[in-house]
Structures are given as C-alpha cells and as structure tokens.
Amino acid sequence: MERVLTVIKNKYIIAGIAFAIWMLFFDRHDITTQYGYYTQLKGLKAEKAFYTTEIERVNKTVYDLNTNPQELQRMAREKYKMKKENEDVFVIIEQEEDKK
C-alpha cells in the first residue's frame, strides 16, 4: 500500500498524467479534432480521385472531338439535336410511371 502511495505522490508521474490528459482532451490538437481532420482528409482524397477521373474523361472527350469528325458529328446529334439536310429526327422522351 505504501508503495502505491509513493508512486501516486511522485511529482513526475503526476506531471506526466496531467500532461497526457491535457494533450488528449484540452489541447487545440486533441483527439476529437484529429479525428475530424482525418475524416475530412479521407473525404477530400475521395473527392480528388473523383475529379481526377472526371478531368481525364473530359480531356479524352475534347481530344476525340478535335481529332475525330465522326465523334463531333455524334456529339452534335446527341446533345444538340442537330441534323443533316433532308433528314428527320425523332426525339423520344421516356416518361416515368408512378408507382402507387
């Protein structure tokens, strides 16, 4: 029992425990803040990966449009509903059925 009391009364152990508690809970870089930063970092990395793939896809599309006339014609027909002379274009709009 005396040995436990001497360990508890030791000023270095008290200072170490107080320092650990301060760093874990009260410091501006405490555990909850670090966890928030970590989750934010994971989200930002996922966002970066998404935008990187989107940039690659858009760059490929732009390259295809600049080099391939068939691709340019396909894009004009699909997105902008353009047509050739003496040609009829039918636009089909699908309606969603209401589920009741």
PDB file of N, CA and C in Angstrom:
ATOM      1  N   MET A   1       0.823  -1.191   0.000  1.00  0.00           N
ATOM      2  CA  MET A   1       0.000   0.000   0.000  1.00  0.00           C
ATOM      3  C   MET A   1       0.868   1.257   0.000  1.00  0.00           C
ATOM      4  N   GLU A   2       1.934   1.218   0.793  1.00  0.00           N
ATOM      5  CA  GLU A   2       2.834   2.385   0.834  1.00  0.00           C
ATOM      6  C   GLU A   2       3.495   2.611  -0.510  1.00  0.00           C
ATOM      7  N   ARG A   3       3.820   1.521  -1.175  1.00  0.00           N
ATOM      8  CA  ARG A   3       4.474   1.635  -2.477  1.00  0.00           C
ATOM      9  C   ARG A   3       3.540   2.321  -3.494  1.00  0.00           C
ATOM     10  N   VAL A   4       2.250   1.982  -3.453  1.00  0.00           N
ATOM     11  CA  VAL A   4       1.274   2.608  -4.347  1.00  0.00           C
ATOM     12  C   VAL A   4       1.156   4.094  -4.021  1.00  0.00           C
ATOM     13  N   LEU A   5       1.122   4.445  -2.755  1.00  0.00           N
ATOM     14  CA  LEU A   5       1.039   5.849  -2.364  1.00  0.00           C
ATOM     15  C   LEU A   5       2.274   6.630  -2.799  1.00  0.00           C
ATOM     16  N   THR A   6       3.439   6.021  -2.711  1.00  0.00           N
ATOM     17  CA  THR A   6       4.655   6.731  -3.128  1.00  0.00           C
ATOM     18  C   THR A   6       4.664   6.937  -4.646  1.00  0.00           C
ATOM     19  N   VAL A   7       4.142   5.963  -5.370  1.00  0.00           N
ATOM     20  CA  VAL A   7       4.074   6.120  -6.830  1.00  0.00           C
ATOM     21  C   VAL A   7       3.072   7.214  -7.186  1.00  0.00           C
ATOM     22  N   ILE A   8       1.934   7.234  -6.504  1.00  0.00           N
ATOM     23  CA  ILE A   8       0.912   8.247  -6.768  1.00  0.00           C
ATOM     24  C   ILE A   8       1.405   9.634  -6.374  1.00  0.00           C
ATOM     25  N   LYS A   9       2.179   9.731  -5.324  1.00  0.00           N
ATOM     26  CA  LYS A   9       2.681  11.024  -4.858  1.00  0.00           C
ATOM     27  C   LYS A   9       3.898  11.506  -5.635  1.00  0.00           C
ATOM     28  N   ASN A  10       4.442  10.682  -6.491  1.00  0.00           N
ATOM     29  CA  ASN A  10       5.616  11.062  -7.264  1.00  0.00           C
ATOM     30  C   ASN A  10       5.249  12.210  -8.209  1.00  0.00           C
ATOM     31  N   LYS A  11       5.993  13.316  -8.147  1.00  0.00           N
ATOM     32  CA  LYS A  11       5.644  14.511  -8.916  1.00  0.00           C
ATOM     33  C   LYS A  11       5.821  14.306 -10.417  1.00  0.00           C
ATOM     34  N   TYR A  12       6.709  13.424 -10.822  1.00  0.00           N
ATOM     35  CA  TYR A  12       6.906  13.179 -12.247  1.00  0.00           C
ATOM     36  C   TYR A  12       5.733  12.394 -12.844  1.00  0.00           C
ATOM     37  N   ILE A  13       5.230  11.453 -12.087  1.00  0.00           N
ATOM     38  CA  ILE A  13       4.078  10.686 -12.560  1.00  0.00           C
ATOM     39  C   ILE A  13       2.843  11.584 -12.605  1.00  0.00           C
ATOM     40  N   ILE A  14       2.662  12.406 -11.605  1.00  0.00           N
ATOM     41  CA  ILE A  14       1.531  13.339 -11.593  1.00  0.00           C
ATOM     42  C   ILE A  14       1.632  14.302 -12.770  1.00  0.00           C
ATOM     43  N   ALA A  15       2.819  14.832 -12.999  1.00  0.00           N
ATOM     44  CA  ALA A  15       3.006  15.764 -14.121  1.00  0.00           C
ATOM     45  C   ALA A  15       2.782  15.048 -15.452  1.00  0.00           C
ATOM     46  N   GLY A  16       3.235  13.812 -15.573  1.00  0.00           N
ATOM     47  CA  GLY A  16       3.046  13.050 -16.815  1.00  0.00           C
ATOM     48  C   GLY A  16       1.584  12.756 -17.085  1.00  0.00           C
ATOM     49  N   ILE A  17       0.856  12.376 -16.055  1.00  0.00           N
ATOM     50  CA  ILE A  17      -0.574  12.100 -16.213  1.00  0.00           C
ATOM     51  C   ILE A  17      -1.329  13.389 -16.548  1.00  0.00           C
ATOM     52  N   ALA A  18      -0.987  14.471 -15.873  1.00  0.00           N
ATOM     53  CA  ALA A  18      -1.637  15.748 -16.156  1.00  0.00           C
ATOM     54  C   ALA A  18      -1.341  16.193 -17.592  1.00  0.00           C
ATOM     55  N   PHE A  19      -0.113  16.007 -18.033  1.00  0.00           N
ATOM     56  CA  PHE A  19       0.265  16.364 -19.396  1.00  0.00           C
ATOM     57  C   PHE A  19      -0.503  15.514 -20.411  1.00  0.00           C
ATOM     58  N   ALA A  20      -0.612  14.214 -20.147  1.00  0.00           N
ATOM     59  CA  ALA A  20      -1.329  13.323 -21.060  1.00  0.00           C
ATOM     60  C   ALA A  20      -2.805  13.704 -21.145  1.00  0.00           C
ATOM     61  N   ILE A  21      -3.415  13.969 -20.008  1.00  0.00           N
ATOM     62  CA  ILE A  21      -4.826  14.377 -20.011  1.00  0.00           C
ATOM     63  C   ILE A  21      -4.996  15.697 -20.755  1.00  0.00           C
ATOM     64  N   TRP A  22      -4.108  16.639 -20.522  1.00  0.00           N
ATOM     65  CA  TRP A  22      -4.183  17.929 -21.201  1.00  0.00           C
ATOM     66  C   TRP A  22      -4.055  17.749 -22.722  1.00  0.00           C
ATOM     67  N   MET A  23      -3.101  16.941 -23.155  1.00  0.00           N
ATOM     68  CA  MET A  23      -2.880  16.750 -24.588  1.00  0.00           C
ATOM     69  C   MET A  23      -4.021  15.969 -25.241  1.00  0.00           C
ATOM     70  N   LEU A  24      -4.634  15.038 -24.524  1.00  0.00           N
ATOM     71  CA  LEU A  24      -5.697  14.223 -25.103  1.00  0.00           C
ATOM     72  C   LEU A  24      -7.037  14.945 -25.171  1.00  0.00           C
ATOM     73  N   PHE A  25      -7.322  15.829 -24.248  1.00  0.00           N
ATOM     74  CA  PHE A  25      -8.665  16.389 -24.175  1.00  0.00           C
ATOM     75  C   PHE A  25      -8.756  17.914 -24.272  1.00  0.00           C
ATOM     76  N   PHE A  26      -7.758  18.655 -23.823  1.00  0.00           N
ATOM     77  CA  PHE A  26      -7.898  20.101 -23.719  1.00  0.00           C
ATOM     78  C   PHE A  26      -7.062  20.894 -24.711  1.00  0.00           C
ATOM     79  N   ASP A  27      -6.083  20.286 -25.329  1.00  0.00           N
ATOM     80  CA  ASP A  27      -5.222  20.986 -26.270  1.00  0.00           C
ATOM     81  C   ASP A  27      -5.990  21.285 -27.559  1.00  0.00           C
ATOM     82  N   ARG A  28      -5.487  22.198 -28.363  1.00  0.00           N
ATOM     83  CA  ARG A  28      -6.209  22.510 -29.595  1.00  0.00           C
ATOM     84  C   ARG A  28      -6.035  21.402 -30.626  1.00  0.00           C
ATOM     85  N   HIS A  29      -5.115  20.489 -30.416  1.00  0.00           N
ATOM     86  CA  HIS A  29      -4.922  19.324 -31.283  1.00  0.00           C
ATOM     87  C   HIS A  29      -5.345  18.053 -30.550  1.00  0.00           C
ATOM     88  N   ASP A  30      -6.494  18.093 -29.885  1.00  0.00           N
ATOM     89  CA  ASP A  30      -6.931  16.938 -29.098  1.00  0.00           C
ATOM     90  C   ASP A  30      -7.434  15.814 -30.010  1.00  0.00           C
ATOM     91  N   ILE A  31      -7.864  14.727 -29.413  1.00  0.00           N
ATOM     92  CA  ILE A  31      -8.246  13.525 -30.156  1.00  0.00           C
ATOM     93  C   ILE A  31      -9.436  13.787 -31.072  1.00  0.00           C
ATOM     94  N   THR A  32     -10.451  14.451 -30.597  1.00  0.00           N
ATOM     95  CA  THR A  32     -11.637  14.671 -31.413  1.00  0.00           C
ATOM     96  C   THR A  32     -11.327  15.563 -32.616  1.00  0.00           C
ATOM     97  N   THR A  33     -10.489  16.558 -32.428  1.00  0.00           N
ATOM     98  CA  THR A  33     -10.098  17.421 -33.539  1.00  0.00           C
ATOM     99  C   THR A  33      -9.299  16.630 -34.568  1.00  0.00           C
ATOM    100  N   GLN A  34      -8.377  15.802 -34.114  1.00  0.00           N
ATOM    101  CA  GLN A  34      -7.579  14.990 -35.027  1.00  0.00           C
ATOM    102  C   GLN A  34      -8.450  14.012 -35.803  1.00  0.00           C
ATOM    103  N   TYR A  35      -9.449  13.432 -35.151  1.00  0.00           N
ATOM    104  CA  TYR A  35     -10.358  12.517 -35.834  1.00  0.00           C
ATOM    105  C   TYR A  35     -11.175  13.267 -36.888  1.00  0.00           C
ATOM    106  N   GLY A  36     -11.616  14.469 -36.566  1.00  0.00           N
ATOM    107  CA  GLY A  36     -12.335  15.287 -37.540  1.00  0.00           C
ATOM    108  C   GLY A  36     -11.461  15.618 -38.741  1.00  0.00           C
ATOM    109  N   TYR A  37     -10.204  15.959 -38.494  1.00  0.00           N
ATOM    110  CA  TYR A  37      -9.279  16.236 -39.586  1.00  0.00           C
ATOM    111  C   TYR A  37      -9.064  14.993 -40.442  1.00  0.00           C
ATOM    112  N   TYR A  38      -8.975  13.839 -39.799  1.00  0.00           N
ATOM    113  CA  TYR A  38      -8.756  12.587 -40.520  1.00  0.00           C
ATOM    114  C   TYR A  38      -9.938  12.257 -41.421  1.00  0.00           C
ATOM    115  N   THR A  39     -11.165  12.406 -40.925  1.00  0.00           N
ATOM    116  CA  THR A  39     -12.330  12.123 -41.750  1.00  0.00           C
ATOM    117  C   THR A  39     -12.458  13.143 -42.885  1.00  0.00           C
ATOM    118  N   GLN A  40     -12.115  14.384 -42.613  1.00  0.00           N
ATOM    119  CA  GLN A  40     -12.138  15.407 -43.655  1.00  0.00           C
ATOM    120  C   GLN A  40     -11.096  15.080 -44.726  1.00  0.00           C
ATOM    121  N   LEU A  41      -9.928  14.604 -44.315  1.00  0.00           N
ATOM    122  CA  LEU A  41      -8.877  14.238 -45.262  1.00  0.00           C
ATOM    123  C   LEU A  41      -9.325  13.084 -46.153  1.00  0.00           C
ATOM    124  N   LYS A  42      -9.989  12.085 -45.562  1.00  0.00           N
ATOM    125  CA  LYS A  42     -10.485  10.965 -46.358  1.00  0.00           C
ATOM    126  C   LYS A  42     -11.498  11.444 -47.390  1.00  0.00           C
ATOM    127  N   GLY A  43     -12.382  12.337 -46.986  1.00  0.00           N
ATOM    128  CA  GLY A  43     -13.368  12.875 -47.916  1.00  0.00           C
ATOM    129  C   GLY A  43     -12.718  13.663 -49.039  1.00  0.00           C
ATOM    130  N   LEU A  44     -11.726  14.448 -48.702  1.00  0.00           N
ATOM    131  CA  LEU A  44     -11.036  15.251 -49.719  1.00  0.00           C
ATOM    132  C   LEU A  44     -10.254  14.372 -50.698  1.00  0.00           C
ATOM    133  N   LYS A  45      -9.673  13.282 -50.192  1.00  0.00           N
ATOM    134  CA  LYS A  45      -8.956  12.359 -51.080  1.00  0.00           C
ATOM    135  C   LYS A  45      -9.925  11.680 -52.046  1.00  0.00           C
ATOM    136  N   ALA A  46     -11.090  11.303 -51.556  1.00  0.00           N
ATOM    137  CA  ALA A  46     -12.094  10.691 -52.431  1.00  0.00           C
ATOM    138  C   ALA A  46     -12.570  11.696 -53.475  1.00  0.00           C
ATOM    139  N   GLU A  47     -12.763  12.934 -53.063  1.00  0.00           N
ATOM    140  CA  GLU A  47     -13.170  13.989 -53.987  1.00  0.00           C
ATOM    141  C   GLU A  47     -12.099  14.242 -55.036  1.00  0.00           C
ATOM    142  N   LYS A  48     -10.846  14.208 -54.610  1.00  0.00           N
ATOM    143  CA  LYS A  48      -9.734  14.412 -55.544  1.00  0.00           C
ATOM    144  C   LYS A  48      -9.699  13.290 -56.577  1.00  0.00           C
ATOM    145  N   ALA A  49      -9.890  12.045 -56.135  1.00  0.00           N
ATOM    146  CA  ALA A  49      -9.900  10.920 -57.065  1.00  0.00           C
ATOM    147  C   ALA A  49     -11.046  11.061 -58.072  1.00  0.00           C
ATOM    148  N   PHE A  50     -12.219  11.471 -57.599  1.00  0.00           N
ATOM    149  CA  PHE A  50     -13.361  11.662 -58.495  1.00  0.00           C
ATOM    150  C   PHE A  50     -13.062  12.726 -59.541  1.00  0.00           C
ATOM    151  N   TYR A  51     -12.554  13.871 -59.101  1.00  0.00           N
ATOM    152  CA  TYR A  51     -12.290  14.949 -60.048  1.00  0.00           C
ATOM    153  C   TYR A  51     -11.143  14.609 -60.993  1.00  0.00           C
ATOM    154  N   THR A  52     -10.190  13.834 -60.545  1.00  0.00           N
ATOM    155  CA  THR A  52      -9.103  13.414 -61.429  1.00  0.00           C
ATOM    156  C   THR A  52      -9.639  12.547 -62.553  1.00  0.00           C
ATOM    157  N   THR A  53     -10.506  11.601 -62.234  1.00  0.00           N
ATOM    158  CA  THR A  53     -11.085  10.756 -63.282  1.00  0.00           C
ATOM    159  C   THR A  53     -11.994  11.570 -64.204  1.00  0.00           C
ATOM    160  N   GLU A  54     -12.725  12.535 -63.647  1.00  0.00           N
ATOM    161  CA  GLU A  54     -13.578  13.381 -64.479  1.00  0.00           C
ATOM    162  C   GLU A  54     -12.735  14.228 -65.433  1.00  0.00           C
ATOM    163  N   ILE A  55     -11.616  14.750 -64.966  1.00  0.00           N
ATOM    164  CA  ILE A  55     -10.737  15.551 -65.817  1.00  0.00           C
ATOM    165  C   ILE A  55     -10.187  14.689 -66.945  1.00  0.00           C
ATOM    166  N   GLU A  56      -9.787  13.458 -66.626  1.00  0.00           N
ATOM    167  CA  GLU A  56      -9.276  12.554 -67.665  1.00  0.00           C
ATOM    168  C   GLU A  56     -10.365  12.250 -68.697  1.00  0.00           C
ATOM    169  N   ARG A  57     -11.593  12.027 -68.236  1.00  0.00           N
ATOM    170  CA  ARG A  57     -12.695  11.721 -69.144  1.00  0.00           C
ATOM    171  C   ARG A  57     -12.988  12.917 -70.052  1.00  0.00           C
ATOM    172  N   VAL A  58     -13.019  14.114 -69.486  1.00  0.00           N
ATOM    173  CA  VAL A  58     -13.298  15.317 -70.274  1.00  0.00           C
ATOM    174  C   VAL A  58     -12.164  15.593 -71.261  1.00  0.00           C
ATOM    175  N   ASN A  59     -10.918  15.406 -70.841  1.00  0.00           N
ATOM    176  CA  ASN A  59      -9.789  15.605 -71.746  1.00  0.00           C
ATOM    177  C   ASN A  59      -9.848  14.637 -72.921  1.00  0.00           C
ATOM    178  N   LYS A  60     -10.236  13.395 -72.657  1.00  0.00           N
ATOM    179  CA  LYS A  60     -10.372  12.407 -73.728  1.00  0.00           C
ATOM    180  C   LYS A  60     -11.488  12.813 -74.679  1.00  0.00           C
ATOM    181  N   THR A  61     -12.599  13.281 -74.141  1.00  0.00           N
ATOM    182  CA  THR A  61     -13.715  13.719 -74.981  1.00  0.00           C
ATOM    183  C   THR A  61     -13.306  14.909 -75.850  1.00  0.00           C
ATOM    184  N   VAL A  62     -12.612  15.866 -75.283  1.00  0.00           N
ATOM    185  CA  VAL A  62     -12.163  17.048 -76.044  1.00  0.00           C
ATOM    186  C   VAL A  62     -11.187  16.627 -77.131  1.00  0.00           C
ATOM    187  N   TYR A  63     -10.275  15.719 -76.806  1.00  0.00           N
ATOM    188  CA  TYR A  63      -9.319  15.242 -77.806  1.00  0.00           C
ATOM    189  C   TYR A  63     -10.050  14.543 -78.949  1.00  0.00           C
ATOM    190  N   ASP A  64     -11.033  13.680 -78.595  1.00  0.00           N
ATOM    191  CA  ASP A  64     -11.804  12.984 -79.624  1.00  0.00           C
ATOM    192  C   ASP A  64     -12.581  13.966 -80.489  1.00  0.00           C
ATOM    193  N   LEU A  65     -13.152  14.993 -79.883  1.00  0.00           N
ATOM    194  CA  LEU A  65     -13.903  15.983 -80.659  1.00  0.00           C
ATOM    195  C   LEU A  65     -13.007  16.773 -81.599  1.00  0.00           C
ATOM    196  N   ASN A  66     -11.782  17.031 -81.177  1.00  0.00           N
ATOM    197  CA  ASN A  66     -10.867  17.813 -82.009  1.00  0.00           C
ATOM    198  C   ASN A  66     -10.237  16.989 -83.126  1.00  0.00           C
ATOM    199  N   THR A  67     -10.144  15.681 -82.961  1.00  0.00           N
ATOM    200  CA  THR A  67      -9.430  14.866 -83.945  1.00  0.00           C
ATOM    201  C   THR A  67     -10.338  13.978 -84.784  1.00  0.00           C
ATOM    202  N   ASN A  68     -11.515  13.637 -84.299  1.00  0.00           N
ATOM    203  CA  ASN A  68     -12.371  12.674 -84.980  1.00  0.00           C
ATOM    204  C   ASN A  68     -13.666  13.351 -85.435  1.00  0.00           C
ATOM    205  N   PRO A  69     -13.868  13.509 -86.744  1.00  0.00           N
ATOM    206  CA  PRO A  69     -15.085  14.179 -87.211  1.00  0.00           C
ATOM    207  C   PRO A  69     -16.354  13.369 -86.936  1.00  0.00           C
ATOM    208  N   GLN A  70     -16.266  12.043 -86.935  1.00  0.00           N
ATOM    209  CA  GLN A  70     -17.449  11.240 -86.612  1.00  0.00           C
ATOM    210  C   GLN A  70     -17.883  11.455 -85.170  1.00  0.00           C
ATOM    211  N   GLU A  71     -16.929  11.604 -84.296  1.00  0.00           N
ATOM    212  CA  GLU A  71     -17.245  11.861 -82.885  1.00  0.00           C
ATOM    213  C   GLU A  71     -17.899  13.232 -82.735  1.00  0.00           C
ATOM    214  N   LEU A  72     -17.408  14.209 -83.467  1.00  0.00           N
ATOM    215  CA  LEU A  72     -18.001  15.547 -83.447  1.00  0.00           C
ATOM    216  C   LEU A  72     -19.435  15.507 -83.959  1.00  0.00           C
ATOM    217  N   GLN A  73     -19.658  14.758 -85.021  1.00  0.00           N
ATOM    218  CA  GLN A  73     -21.000  14.632 -85.567  1.00  0.00           C
ATOM    219  C   GLN A  73     -21.926  13.902 -84.586  1.00  0.00           C
ATOM    220  N   ARG A  74     -21.427  12.854 -83.953  1.00  0.00           N
ATOM    221  CA  ARG A  74     -22.234  12.109 -82.984  1.00  0.00           C
ATOM    222  C   ARG A  74     -22.622  13.006 -81.811  1.00  0.00           C
ATOM    223  N   MET A  75     -21.678  13.774 -81.310  1.00  0.00           N
ATOM    224  CA  MET A  75     -21.951  14.668 -80.186  1.00  0.00           C
ATOM    225  C   MET A  75     -22.976  15.737 -80.574  1.00  0.00           C
ATOM    226  N   ALA A  76     -22.849  16.289 -81.775  1.00  0.00           N
ATOM    227  CA  ALA A  76     -23.790  17.316 -82.231  1.00  0.00           C
ATOM    228  C   ALA A  76     -25.191  16.739 -82.361  1.00  0.00           C
ATOM    229  N   ARG A  77     -25.289  15.516 -82.835  1.00  0.00           N
ATOM    230  CA  ARG A  77     -26.607  14.893 -82.992  1.00  0.00           C
ATOM    231  C   ARG A  77     -27.224  14.532 -81.640  1.00  0.00           C
ATOM    232  N   GLU A  78     -26.437  13.983 -80.760  1.00  0.00           N
ATOM    233  CA  GLU A  78     -26.980  13.520 -79.473  1.00  0.00           C
ATOM    234  C   GLU A  78     -27.304  14.666 -78.529  1.00  0.00           C
ATOM    235  N   LYS A  79     -26.368  15.566 -78.346  1.00  0.00           N
ATOM    236  CA  LYS A  79     -26.553  16.605 -77.330  1.00  0.00           C
ATOM    237  C   LYS A  79     -27.343  17.808 -77.837  1.00  0.00           C
ATOM    238  N   TYR A  80     -27.090  18.197 -79.073  1.00  0.00           N
ATOM    239  CA  TYR A  80     -27.666  19.447 -79.565  1.00  0.00           C
ATOM    240  C   TYR A  80     -28.768  19.230 -80.596  1.00  0.00           C
ATOM    241  N   LYS A  81     -29.161  17.990 -80.811  1.00  0.00           N
ATOM    242  CA  LYS A  81     -30.282  17.631 -81.699  1.00  0.00           C
ATOM    243  C   LYS A  81     -30.114  18.212 -83.105  1.00  0.00           C
ATOM    244  N   MET A  82     -28.891  18.264 -83.602  1.00  0.00           N
ATOM    245  CA  MET A  82     -28.641  18.768 -84.949  1.00  0.00           C
ATOM    246  C   MET A  82     -28.916  17.658 -85.957  1.00  0.00           C
ATOM    247  N   LYS A  83     -29.199  18.066 -87.192  1.00  0.00           N
ATOM    248  CA  LYS A  83     -29.497  17.080 -88.225  1.00  0.00           C
ATOM    249  C   LYS A  83     -28.948  17.560 -89.552  1.00  0.00           C
ATOM    250  N   LYS A  84     -28.871  16.615 -90.482  1.00  0.00           N
ATOM    251  CA  LYS A  84     -28.437  16.960 -91.837  1.00  0.00           C
ATOM    252  C   LYS A  84     -29.633  17.478 -92.623  1.00  0.00           C
ATOM    253  N   GLU A  85     -29.353  18.041 -93.777  1.00  0.00           N
ATOM    254  CA  GLU A  85     -30.430  18.499 -94.659  1.00  0.00           C
ATOM    255  C   GLU A  85     -31.227  17.283 -95.127  1.00  0.00           C
ATOM    256  N   ASN A  86     -32.525  17.457 -95.293  1.00  0.00           N
ATOM    257  CA  ASN A  86     -33.426  16.401 -95.757  1.00  0.00           C
ATOM    258  C   ASN A  86     -33.417  15.185 -94.837  1.00  0.00           C
ATOM    259  N   GLU A  87     -33.326  15.439 -93.564  1.00  0.00           N
ATOM    260  CA  GLU A  87     -33.301  14.338 -92.603  1.00  0.00           C
ATOM    261  C   GLU A  87     -34.284  14.669 -91.492  1.00  0.00           C
ATOM    262  N   ASP A  88     -35.026  13.686 -91.041  1.00  0.00           N
ATOM    263  CA  ASP A  88     -35.954  13.874 -89.936  1.00  0.00           C
ATOM    264  C   ASP A  88     -35.374  13.260 -88.678  1.00  0.00           C
ATOM    265  N   VAL A  89     -35.531  13.973 -87.575  1.00  0.00           N
ATOM    266  CA  VAL A  89     -35.040  13.487 -86.286  1.00  0.00           C
ATOM    267  C   VAL A  89     -36.230  13.363 -85.349  1.00  0.00           C
ATOM    268  N   PHE A  90     -36.353  12.204 -84.738  1.00  0.00           N
ATOM    269  CA  PHE A  90     -37.418  11.964 -83.771  1.00  0.00           C
ATOM    270  C   PHE A  90     -36.799  11.868 -82.388  1.00  0.00           C
ATOM    271  N   VAL A  91     -37.271  12.707 -81.483  1.00  0.00           N
ATOM    272  CA  VAL A  91     -36.787  12.697 -80.107  1.00  0.00           C
ATOM    273  C   VAL A  91     -37.792  11.930 -79.266  1.00  0.00           C
ATOM    274  N   ILE A  92     -37.329  10.898 -78.620  1.00  0.00           N
ATOM    275  CA  ILE A  92     -38.195  10.067 -77.793  1.00  0.00           C
ATOM    276  C   ILE A  92     -37.915  10.398 -76.333  1.00  0.00           C
ATOM    277  N   ILE A  93     -38.948  10.835 -75.647  1.00  0.00           N
ATOM    278  CA  ILE A  93     -38.819  11.170 -74.230  1.00  0.00           C
ATOM    279  C   ILE A  93     -39.539  10.094 -73.430  1.00  0.00           C
ATOM    280  N   GLU A  94     -38.808   9.430 -72.580  1.00  0.00           N
ATOM    281  CA  GLU A  94     -39.400   8.373 -71.768  1.00  0.00           C
ATOM    282  C   GLU A  94     -40.044   8.979 -70.533  1.00  0.00           C
ATOM    283  N   GLN A  95     -41.262   8.526 -70.235  1.00  0.00           N
ATOM    284  CA  GLN A  95     -41.957   9.011 -69.059  1.00  0.00           C
ATOM    285  C   GLN A  95     -41.869   7.964 -67.964  1.00  0.00           C
ATOM    286  N   GLU A  96     -41.655   8.428 -66.757  1.00  0.00           N
ATOM    287  CA  GLU A  96     -41.591   7.522 -65.623  1.00  0.00           C
ATOM    288  C   GLU A  96     -43.007   7.193 -65.153  1.00  0.00           C
ATOM    289  N   GLU A  97     -43.225   5.948 -64.861  1.00  0.00           N
ATOM    290  CA  GLU A  97     -44.533   5.539 -64.380  1.00  0.00           C
ATOM    291  C   GLU A  97     -44.600   5.750 -62.869  1.00  0.00           C
ATOM    292  N   ASP A  98     -45.731   6.247 -62.403  1.00  0.00           N
ATOM    293  CA  ASP A  98     -45.918   6.463 -60.965  1.00  0.00           C
ATOM    294  C   ASP A  98     -46.251   5.137 -60.302  1.00  0.00           C
ATOM    295  N   LYS A  99     -45.495   4.813 -59.280  1.00  0.00           N
ATOM    296  CA  LYS A  99     -45.774   3.596 -58.519  1.00  0.00           C
ATOM    297  C   LYS A  99     -46.647   3.945 -57.334  1.00  0.00           C
ATOM    298  N   LYS A 100     -47.786   3.301 -57.257  1.00  0.00           N
ATOM    299  CA  LYS A 100     -48.719   3.604 -56.173  1.00  0.00           C
ATOM    300  C   LYS A 100     -48.931   2.413 -55.305  1.00  0.00           C
TER     301      LYS A 100
END
